[in-house]
Protein backbone atom coordinates (compact mmCIF):
# COMPACT_ATOMS: atom_id res chain seq x y z
CA UNK A 1 0.00 0.00 0.00
CA UNK A 2 1.34 3.44 -0.89
CA UNK A 3 1.95 6.18 1.65
CA UNK A 4 0.44 9.64 1.10
CA UNK A 5 1.33 13.01 2.63
CA UNK A 6 -1.54 15.14 3.93
CA UNK A 7 -1.50 18.77 5.13
CA UNK A 8 -4.16 20.33 7.36
CA UNK A 9 -6.01 23.28 5.79
CA UNK A 10 -6.42 24.98 9.19
CA UNK A 11 -3.16 24.58 11.11
CA UNK A 12 -0.69 23.31 8.49
CA UNK A 13 0.03 20.07 10.37
CA UNK A 14 1.61 17.42 8.12
CA UNK A 15 0.88 13.70 8.43
CA UNK A 16 1.60 10.57 6.41
CA UNK A 17 -1.18 8.01 5.90
CA UNK A 18 -1.15 4.66 4.15
CA UNK A 19 -4.14 3.54 2.08
CA UNK A 20 -4.96 1.88 -1.23
CA UNK A 21 -4.47 3.59 -4.57
CA UNK A 22 -8.19 3.65 -5.41
CA UNK A 23 -9.33 4.80 -1.96
CA UNK A 24 -10.16 8.45 -1.18
CA UNK A 25 -10.52 8.55 2.60
CA UNK A 26 -11.62 11.64 4.50
CA UNK A 27 -8.81 12.31 6.96
CA UNK A 28 -9.08 14.65 9.93
CA UNK A 29 -6.12 16.43 11.51
CA UNK A 30 -4.95 14.84 14.73
CA UNK A 31 -3.91 18.27 16.10
CA UNK A 32 -6.97 20.45 15.44
CA UNK A 33 -9.56 18.16 13.84
CA UNK A 34 -9.56 20.13 10.58
CA UNK A 35 -9.81 18.76 7.06
CA UNK A 36 -6.60 17.42 5.51
CA UNK A 37 -5.75 17.51 1.81
CA UNK A 38 -3.40 15.22 -0.10
CA UNK A 39 -0.23 16.95 -1.28
CA UNK A 40 2.78 16.02 -3.34
CA UNK A 41 5.57 14.69 -1.16
CA UNK A 42 9.19 15.66 -1.26
CA UNK A 43 11.35 13.38 -3.35
CA UNK A 44 15.11 12.98 -3.11
CA UNK A 45 16.93 12.86 -6.42
CA UNK A 46 20.25 11.08 -6.92
CA UNK A 47 22.18 11.57 -10.15
CA UNK A 48 24.44 8.63 -11.02
CA UNK A 49 26.77 8.19 -13.94
CA UNK A 50 28.87 10.55 -16.00
CA UNK A 51 27.68 13.84 -17.42
CA UNK A 52 26.64 15.65 -14.24
CA UNK A 53 29.74 17.77 -13.69
CA UNK A 54 31.03 20.79 -15.64
CA UNK A 55 34.13 18.83 -16.61
CA UNK A 56 31.94 16.08 -18.15
CA UNK A 57 30.06 18.41 -20.45
CA UNK A 58 30.76 19.02 -24.11
CA UNK A 59 34.21 19.90 -25.37
CA UNK A 60 35.23 23.50 -25.85
CA UNK A 61 34.27 24.85 -29.28
CA UNK A 62 36.77 27.73 -29.42
CA UNK A 63 39.06 27.80 -32.45
CA UNK A 64 42.72 28.83 -32.66
CA UNK A 65 41.78 32.18 -34.23
CA UNK A 66 39.67 33.22 -31.26
CA UNK A 67 42.49 32.55 -28.79
CA UNK A 68 44.97 34.91 -30.54
PDB file of N, CA and C in Angstrom:
ATOM      1  N   UNK A   1       0.845  -1.191   0.000  1.00  0.00           N
ATOM      2  CA  UNK A   1       0.000   0.000   0.000  1.00  0.00           C
ATOM      3  C   UNK A   1       0.885   1.246   0.000  1.00  0.00           C
ATOM      4  N   UNK A   2       0.545   2.208  -0.829  1.00  0.00           N
ATOM      5  CA  UNK A   2       1.337   3.440  -0.886  1.00  0.00           C
ATOM      6  C   UNK A   2       1.061   4.358   0.304  1.00  0.00           C
ATOM      7  N   UNK A   3       2.058   5.187   0.585  1.00  0.00           N
ATOM      8  CA  UNK A   3       1.946   6.182   1.653  1.00  0.00           C
ATOM      9  C   UNK A   3       1.699   7.537   1.008  1.00  0.00           C
ATOM     10  N   UNK A   4       0.801   8.322   1.619  1.00  0.00           N
ATOM     11  CA  UNK A   4       0.442   9.638   1.097  1.00  0.00           C
ATOM     12  C   UNK A   4       0.667  10.694   2.164  1.00  0.00           C
ATOM     13  N   UNK A   5       1.087  11.885   1.727  1.00  0.00           N
ATOM     14  CA  UNK A   5       1.335  13.007   2.626  1.00  0.00           C
ATOM     15  C   UNK A   5       0.110  13.907   2.607  1.00  0.00           C
ATOM     16  N   UNK A   6      -0.377  14.258   3.784  1.00  0.00           N
ATOM     17  CA  UNK A   6      -1.535  15.137   3.935  1.00  0.00           C
ATOM     18  C   UNK A   6      -1.138  16.361   4.760  1.00  0.00           C
ATOM     19  N   UNK A   7      -1.735  17.517   4.405  1.00  0.00           N
ATOM     20  CA  UNK A   7      -1.502  18.770   5.125  1.00  0.00           C
ATOM     21  C   UNK A   7      -2.848  19.326   5.561  1.00  0.00           C
ATOM     22  N   UNK A   8      -2.933  19.770   6.816  1.00  0.00           N
ATOM     23  CA  UNK A   8      -4.164  20.334   7.357  1.00  0.00           C
ATOM     24  C   UNK A   8      -4.407  21.716   6.764  1.00  0.00           C
ATOM     25  N   UNK A   9      -5.650  21.978   6.359  1.00  0.00           N
ATOM     26  CA  UNK A   9      -6.006  23.278   5.792  1.00  0.00           C
ATOM     27  C   UNK A   9      -6.066  24.371   6.857  1.00  0.00           C
ATOM     28  N   UNK A  10      -6.299  23.994   8.122  1.00  0.00           N
ATOM     29  CA  UNK A  10      -6.418  24.982   9.193  1.00  0.00           C
ATOM     30  C   UNK A  10      -5.084  25.331   9.836  1.00  0.00           C
ATOM     31  N   UNK A  11      -4.367  24.307  10.308  1.00  0.00           N
ATOM     32  CA  UNK A  11      -3.160  24.584  11.106  1.00  0.00           C
ATOM     33  C   UNK A  11      -1.852  24.274  10.388  1.00  0.00           C
ATOM     34  N   UNK A  12      -1.901  23.616   9.231  1.00  0.00           N
ATOM     35  CA  UNK A  12      -0.695  23.306   8.487  1.00  0.00           C
ATOM     36  C   UNK A  12       0.039  22.058   8.966  1.00  0.00           C
ATOM     37  N   UNK A  13      -0.576  21.306   9.868  1.00  0.00           N
ATOM     38  CA  UNK A  13       0.032  20.075  10.370  1.00  0.00           C
ATOM     39  C   UNK A  13       0.199  19.084   9.218  1.00  0.00           C
ATOM     40  N   UNK A  14       1.347  18.395   9.173  1.00  0.00           N
ATOM     41  CA  UNK A  14       1.608  17.424   8.118  1.00  0.00           C
ATOM     42  C   UNK A  14       1.597  16.024   8.705  1.00  0.00           C
ATOM     43  N   UNK A  15       0.948  15.090   8.002  1.00  0.00           N
ATOM     44  CA  UNK A  15       0.880  13.701   8.429  1.00  0.00           C
ATOM     45  C   UNK A  15       1.038  12.803   7.216  1.00  0.00           C
ATOM     46  N   UNK A  16       1.474  11.569   7.473  1.00  0.00           N
ATOM     47  CA  UNK A  16       1.598  10.573   6.414  1.00  0.00           C
ATOM     48  C   UNK A  16       0.627   9.449   6.726  1.00  0.00           C
ATOM     49  N   UNK A  17      -0.193   9.083   5.734  1.00  0.00           N
ATOM     50  CA  UNK A  17      -1.181   8.008   5.904  1.00  0.00           C
ATOM     51  C   UNK A  17      -0.996   6.988   4.787  1.00  0.00           C
ATOM     52  N   UNK A  18      -1.276   5.740   5.114  1.00  0.00           N
ATOM     53  CA  UNK A  18      -1.151   4.664   4.150  1.00  0.00           C
ATOM     54  C   UNK A  18      -2.540   4.137   3.816  1.00  0.00           C
ATOM     55  N   UNK A  19      -2.871   4.105   2.523  1.00  0.00           N
ATOM     56  CA  UNK A  19      -4.143   3.542   2.079  1.00  0.00           C
ATOM     57  C   UNK A  19      -4.012   3.121   0.631  1.00  0.00           C
ATOM     58  N   UNK A  20      -4.983   2.396   0.133  1.00  0.00           N
ATOM     59  CA  UNK A  20      -4.964   1.883  -1.230  1.00  0.00           C
ATOM     60  C   UNK A  20      -4.993   2.980  -2.271  1.00  0.00           C
ATOM     61  N   UNK A  21      -4.544   2.634  -3.463  1.00  0.00           N
ATOM     62  CA  UNK A  21      -4.467   3.593  -4.565  1.00  0.00           C
ATOM     63  C   UNK A  21      -5.840   4.114  -4.969  1.00  0.00           C
ATOM     64  N   UNK A  22      -6.845   3.270  -4.976  1.00  0.00           N
ATOM     65  CA  UNK A  22      -8.189   3.654  -5.413  1.00  0.00           C
ATOM     66  C   UNK A  22      -9.054   4.225  -4.295  1.00  0.00           C
ATOM     67  N   UNK A  23      -8.562   4.263  -3.087  1.00  0.00           N
ATOM     68  CA  UNK A  23      -9.328   4.805  -1.964  1.00  0.00           C
ATOM     69  C   UNK A  23      -9.174   6.321  -1.901  1.00  0.00           C
ATOM     70  N   UNK A  24     -10.206   7.001  -1.429  1.00  0.00           N
ATOM     71  CA  UNK A  24     -10.160   8.448  -1.183  1.00  0.00           C
ATOM     72  C   UNK A  24     -10.731   8.716   0.201  1.00  0.00           C
ATOM     73  N   UNK A  25      -9.984   8.386   1.250  1.00  0.00           N
ATOM     74  CA  UNK A  25     -10.519   8.553   2.596  1.00  0.00           C
ATOM     75  C   UNK A  25     -10.610  10.021   3.017  1.00  0.00           C
ATOM     76  N   UNK A  26     -11.532  10.318   3.907  1.00  0.00           N
ATOM     77  CA  UNK A  26     -11.621  11.641   4.505  1.00  0.00           C
ATOM     78  C   UNK A  26     -10.804  11.595   5.782  1.00  0.00           C
ATOM     79  N   UNK A  27      -9.728  12.350   5.828  1.00  0.00           N
ATOM     80  CA  UNK A  27      -8.806  12.305   6.958  1.00  0.00           C
ATOM     81  C   UNK A  27      -8.895  13.614   7.726  1.00  0.00           C
ATOM     82  N   UNK A  28      -9.025  13.488   9.048  1.00  0.00           N
ATOM     83  CA  UNK A  28      -9.081  14.655   9.932  1.00  0.00           C
ATOM     84  C   UNK A  28      -7.735  14.843  10.610  1.00  0.00           C
ATOM     85  N   UNK A  29      -7.378  16.087  10.857  1.00  0.00           N
ATOM     86  CA  UNK A  29      -6.120  16.430  11.514  1.00  0.00           C
ATOM     87  C   UNK A  29      -6.132  15.941  12.952  1.00  0.00           C
ATOM     88  N   UNK A  30      -5.039  15.323  13.362  1.00  0.00           N
ATOM     89  CA  UNK A  30      -4.948  14.842  14.734  1.00  0.00           C
ATOM     90  C   UNK A  30      -4.678  15.986  15.714  1.00  0.00           C
ATOM     91  N   UNK A  31      -4.204  17.138  15.226  1.00  0.00           N
ATOM     92  CA  UNK A  31      -3.907  18.270  16.103  1.00  0.00           C
ATOM     93  C   UNK A  31      -5.123  19.159  16.351  1.00  0.00           C
ATOM     94  N   UNK A  32      -5.863  19.513  15.278  1.00  0.00           N
ATOM     95  CA  UNK A  32      -6.969  20.452  15.439  1.00  0.00           C
ATOM     96  C   UNK A  32      -8.315  19.892  14.983  1.00  0.00           C
ATOM     97  N   UNK A  33      -8.316  18.744  14.322  1.00  0.00           N
ATOM     98  CA  UNK A  33      -9.561  18.159  13.835  1.00  0.00           C
ATOM     99  C   UNK A  33     -10.024  18.702  12.502  1.00  0.00           C
ATOM    100  N   UNK A  34      -9.210  19.537  11.867  1.00  0.00           N
ATOM    101  CA  UNK A  34      -9.558  20.131  10.577  1.00  0.00           C
ATOM    102  C   UNK A  34      -9.425  19.155   9.428  1.00  0.00           C
ATOM    103  N   UNK A  35      -9.860  19.591   8.263  1.00  0.00           N
ATOM    104  CA  UNK A  35      -9.808  18.756   7.064  1.00  0.00           C
ATOM    105  C   UNK A  35      -8.381  18.733   6.517  1.00  0.00           C
ATOM    106  N   UNK A  36      -7.937  17.569   6.063  1.00  0.00           N
ATOM    107  CA  UNK A  36      -6.596  17.424   5.515  1.00  0.00           C
ATOM    108  C   UNK A  36      -6.694  17.139   4.016  1.00  0.00           C
ATOM    109  N   UNK A  37      -5.784  17.716   3.248  1.00  0.00           N
ATOM    110  CA  UNK A  37      -5.746  17.506   1.810  1.00  0.00           C
ATOM    111  C   UNK A  37      -4.455  16.806   1.415  1.00  0.00           C
ATOM    112  N   UNK A  38      -4.557  15.965   0.381  1.00  0.00           N
ATOM    113  CA  UNK A  38      -3.397  15.222  -0.104  1.00  0.00           C
ATOM    114  C   UNK A  38      -2.483  16.185  -0.859  1.00  0.00           C
ATOM    115  N   UNK A  39      -1.196  16.097  -0.601  1.00  0.00           N
ATOM    116  CA  UNK A  39      -0.225  16.950  -1.278  1.00  0.00           C
ATOM    117  C   UNK A  39       0.866  16.094  -1.891  1.00  0.00           C
ATOM    118  N   UNK A  40       1.653  16.709  -2.720  1.00  0.00           N
ATOM    119  CA  UNK A  40       2.780  16.021  -3.338  1.00  0.00           C
ATOM    120  C   UNK A  40       3.927  16.012  -2.343  1.00  0.00           C
ATOM    121  N   UNK A  41       4.471  14.841  -2.116  1.00  0.00           N
ATOM    122  CA  UNK A  41       5.568  14.695  -1.163  1.00  0.00           C
ATOM    123  C   UNK A  41       6.898  15.138  -1.737  1.00  0.00           C
ATOM    124  N   UNK A  42       7.842  15.303  -0.851  1.00  0.00           N
ATOM    125  CA  UNK A  42       9.192  15.665  -1.265  1.00  0.00           C
ATOM    126  C   UNK A  42       9.917  14.402  -1.713  1.00  0.00           C
ATOM    127  N   UNK A  43      10.664  14.535  -2.798  1.00  0.00           N
ATOM    128  CA  UNK A  43      11.353  13.376  -3.346  1.00  0.00           C
ATOM    129  C   UNK A  43      12.830  13.701  -3.458  1.00  0.00           C
ATOM    130  N   UNK A  44      13.671  12.807  -2.973  1.00  0.00           N
ATOM    131  CA  UNK A  44      15.109  12.976  -3.111  1.00  0.00           C
ATOM    132  C   UNK A  44      15.555  12.491  -4.474  1.00  0.00           C
ATOM    133  N   UNK A  45      16.441  13.220  -5.098  1.00  0.00           N
ATOM    134  CA  UNK A  45      16.932  12.859  -6.421  1.00  0.00           C
ATOM    135  C   UNK A  45      18.421  12.562  -6.324  1.00  0.00           C
ATOM    136  N   UNK A  46      18.845  11.452  -6.885  1.00  0.00           N
ATOM    137  CA  UNK A  46      20.252  11.081  -6.917  1.00  0.00           C
ATOM    138  C   UNK A  46      20.662  10.916  -8.371  1.00  0.00           C
ATOM    139  N   UNK A  47      21.665  11.673  -8.793  1.00  0.00           N
ATOM    140  CA  UNK A  47      22.181  11.570 -10.152  1.00  0.00           C
ATOM    141  C   UNK A  47      23.381  10.641 -10.131  1.00  0.00           C
ATOM    142  N   UNK A  48      23.332   9.582 -10.935  1.00  0.00           N
ATOM    143  CA  UNK A  48      24.440   8.634 -11.017  1.00  0.00           C
ATOM    144  C   UNK A  48      24.933   8.578 -12.455  1.00  0.00           C
ATOM    145  N   UNK A  49      26.202   8.319 -12.601  1.00  0.00           N
ATOM    146  CA  UNK A  49      26.773   8.194 -13.937  1.00  0.00           C
ATOM    147  C   UNK A  49      27.524   9.441 -14.341  1.00  0.00           C
ATOM    148  N   UNK A  50      28.097   9.402 -15.520  1.00  0.00           N
ATOM    149  CA  UNK A  50      28.869  10.547 -16.000  1.00  0.00           C
ATOM    150  C   UNK A  50      27.940  11.575 -16.639  1.00  0.00           C
ATOM    151  N   UNK A  51      28.429  12.795 -16.748  1.00  0.00           N
ATOM    152  CA  UNK A  51      27.675  13.837 -17.417  1.00  0.00           C
ATOM    153  C   UNK A  51      27.008  14.825 -16.487  1.00  0.00           C
ATOM    154  N   UNK A  52      27.291  14.756 -15.182  1.00  0.00           N
ATOM    155  CA  UNK A  52      26.641  15.650 -14.238  1.00  0.00           C
ATOM    156  C   UNK A  52      27.581  16.707 -13.663  1.00  0.00           C
ATOM    157  N   UNK A  53      28.793  16.782 -14.161  1.00  0.00           N
ATOM    158  CA  UNK A  53      29.740  17.774 -13.693  1.00  0.00           C
ATOM    159  C   UNK A  53      30.145  18.664 -14.864  1.00  0.00           C
ATOM    160  N   UNK A  54      30.635  19.850 -14.590  1.00  0.00           N
ATOM    161  CA  UNK A  54      31.025  20.793 -15.637  1.00  0.00           C
ATOM    162  C   UNK A  54      32.155  20.214 -16.476  1.00  0.00           C
ATOM    163  N   UNK A  55      33.024  19.416 -15.863  1.00  0.00           N
ATOM    164  CA  UNK A  55      34.131  18.827 -16.610  1.00  0.00           C
ATOM    165  C   UNK A  55      33.671  17.697 -17.522  1.00  0.00           C
ATOM    166  N   UNK A  56      32.469  17.154 -17.315  1.00  0.00           N
ATOM    167  CA  UNK A  56      31.941  16.077 -18.146  1.00  0.00           C
ATOM    168  C   UNK A  56      31.127  16.591 -19.324  1.00  0.00           C
ATOM    169  N   UNK A  57      30.898  17.874 -19.385  1.00  0.00           N
ATOM    170  CA  UNK A  57      30.056  18.407 -20.450  1.00  0.00           C
ATOM    171  C   UNK A  57      30.820  18.464 -21.766  1.00  0.00           C
ATOM    172  N   UNK A  58      30.182  19.005 -22.760  1.00  0.00           N
ATOM    173  CA  UNK A  58      30.762  19.015 -24.106  1.00  0.00           C
ATOM    174  C   UNK A  58      32.139  19.672 -24.142  1.00  0.00           C
ATOM    175  N   UNK A  59      32.863  19.355 -25.171  1.00  0.00           N
ATOM    176  CA  UNK A  59      34.207  19.901 -25.369  1.00  0.00           C
ATOM    177  C   UNK A  59      34.110  21.371 -25.748  1.00  0.00           C
ATOM    178  N   UNK A  60      35.171  22.088 -25.494  1.00  0.00           N
ATOM    179  CA  UNK A  60      35.229  23.499 -25.851  1.00  0.00           C
ATOM    180  C   UNK A  60      35.169  23.644 -27.357  1.00  0.00           C
ATOM    181  N   UNK A  61      34.431  24.643 -27.841  1.00  0.00           N
ATOM    182  CA  UNK A  61      34.275  24.852 -29.281  1.00  0.00           C
ATOM    183  C   UNK A  61      35.077  26.058 -29.782  1.00  0.00           C
ATOM    184  N   UNK A  62      36.002  26.575 -28.990  1.00  0.00           N
ATOM    185  CA  UNK A  62      36.774  27.733 -29.422  1.00  0.00           C
ATOM    186  C   UNK A  62      37.821  27.295 -30.435  1.00  0.00           C
ATOM    187  N   UNK A  63      38.064  28.121 -31.424  1.00  0.00           N
ATOM    188  CA  UNK A  63      39.063  27.801 -32.453  1.00  0.00           C
ATOM    189  C   UNK A  63      40.367  28.519 -32.127  1.00  0.00           C
ATOM    190  N   UNK A  64      41.410  28.203 -32.889  1.00  0.00           N
ATOM    191  CA  UNK A  64      42.718  28.832 -32.661  1.00  0.00           C
ATOM    192  C   UNK A  64      42.662  30.326 -32.922  1.00  0.00           C
ATOM    193  N   UNK A  65      41.865  30.768 -33.881  1.00  0.00           N
ATOM    194  CA  UNK A  65      41.777  32.184 -34.229  1.00  0.00           C
ATOM    195  C   UNK A  65      41.184  33.008 -33.109  1.00  0.00           C
ATOM    196  N   UNK A  66      40.286  32.472 -32.348  1.00  0.00           N
ATOM    197  CA  UNK A  66      39.667  33.215 -31.259  1.00  0.00           C
ATOM    198  C   UNK A  66      40.607  33.385 -30.082  1.00  0.00           C
ATOM    199  N   UNK A  67      41.579  32.470 -29.917  1.00  0.00           N
ATOM    200  CA  UNK A  67      42.490  32.551 -28.790  1.00  0.00           C
ATOM    201  C   UNK A  67      43.617  33.517 -29.041  1.00  0.00           C
ATOM    202  N   UNK A  68      43.847  34.000 -30.249  1.00  0.00           N
ATOM    203  CA  UNK A  68      44.966  34.913 -30.542  1.00  0.00           C
ATOM    204  C   UNK A  68      44.611  36.352 -30.308  1.00  0.00           C
TER     205      UNK A  68
END
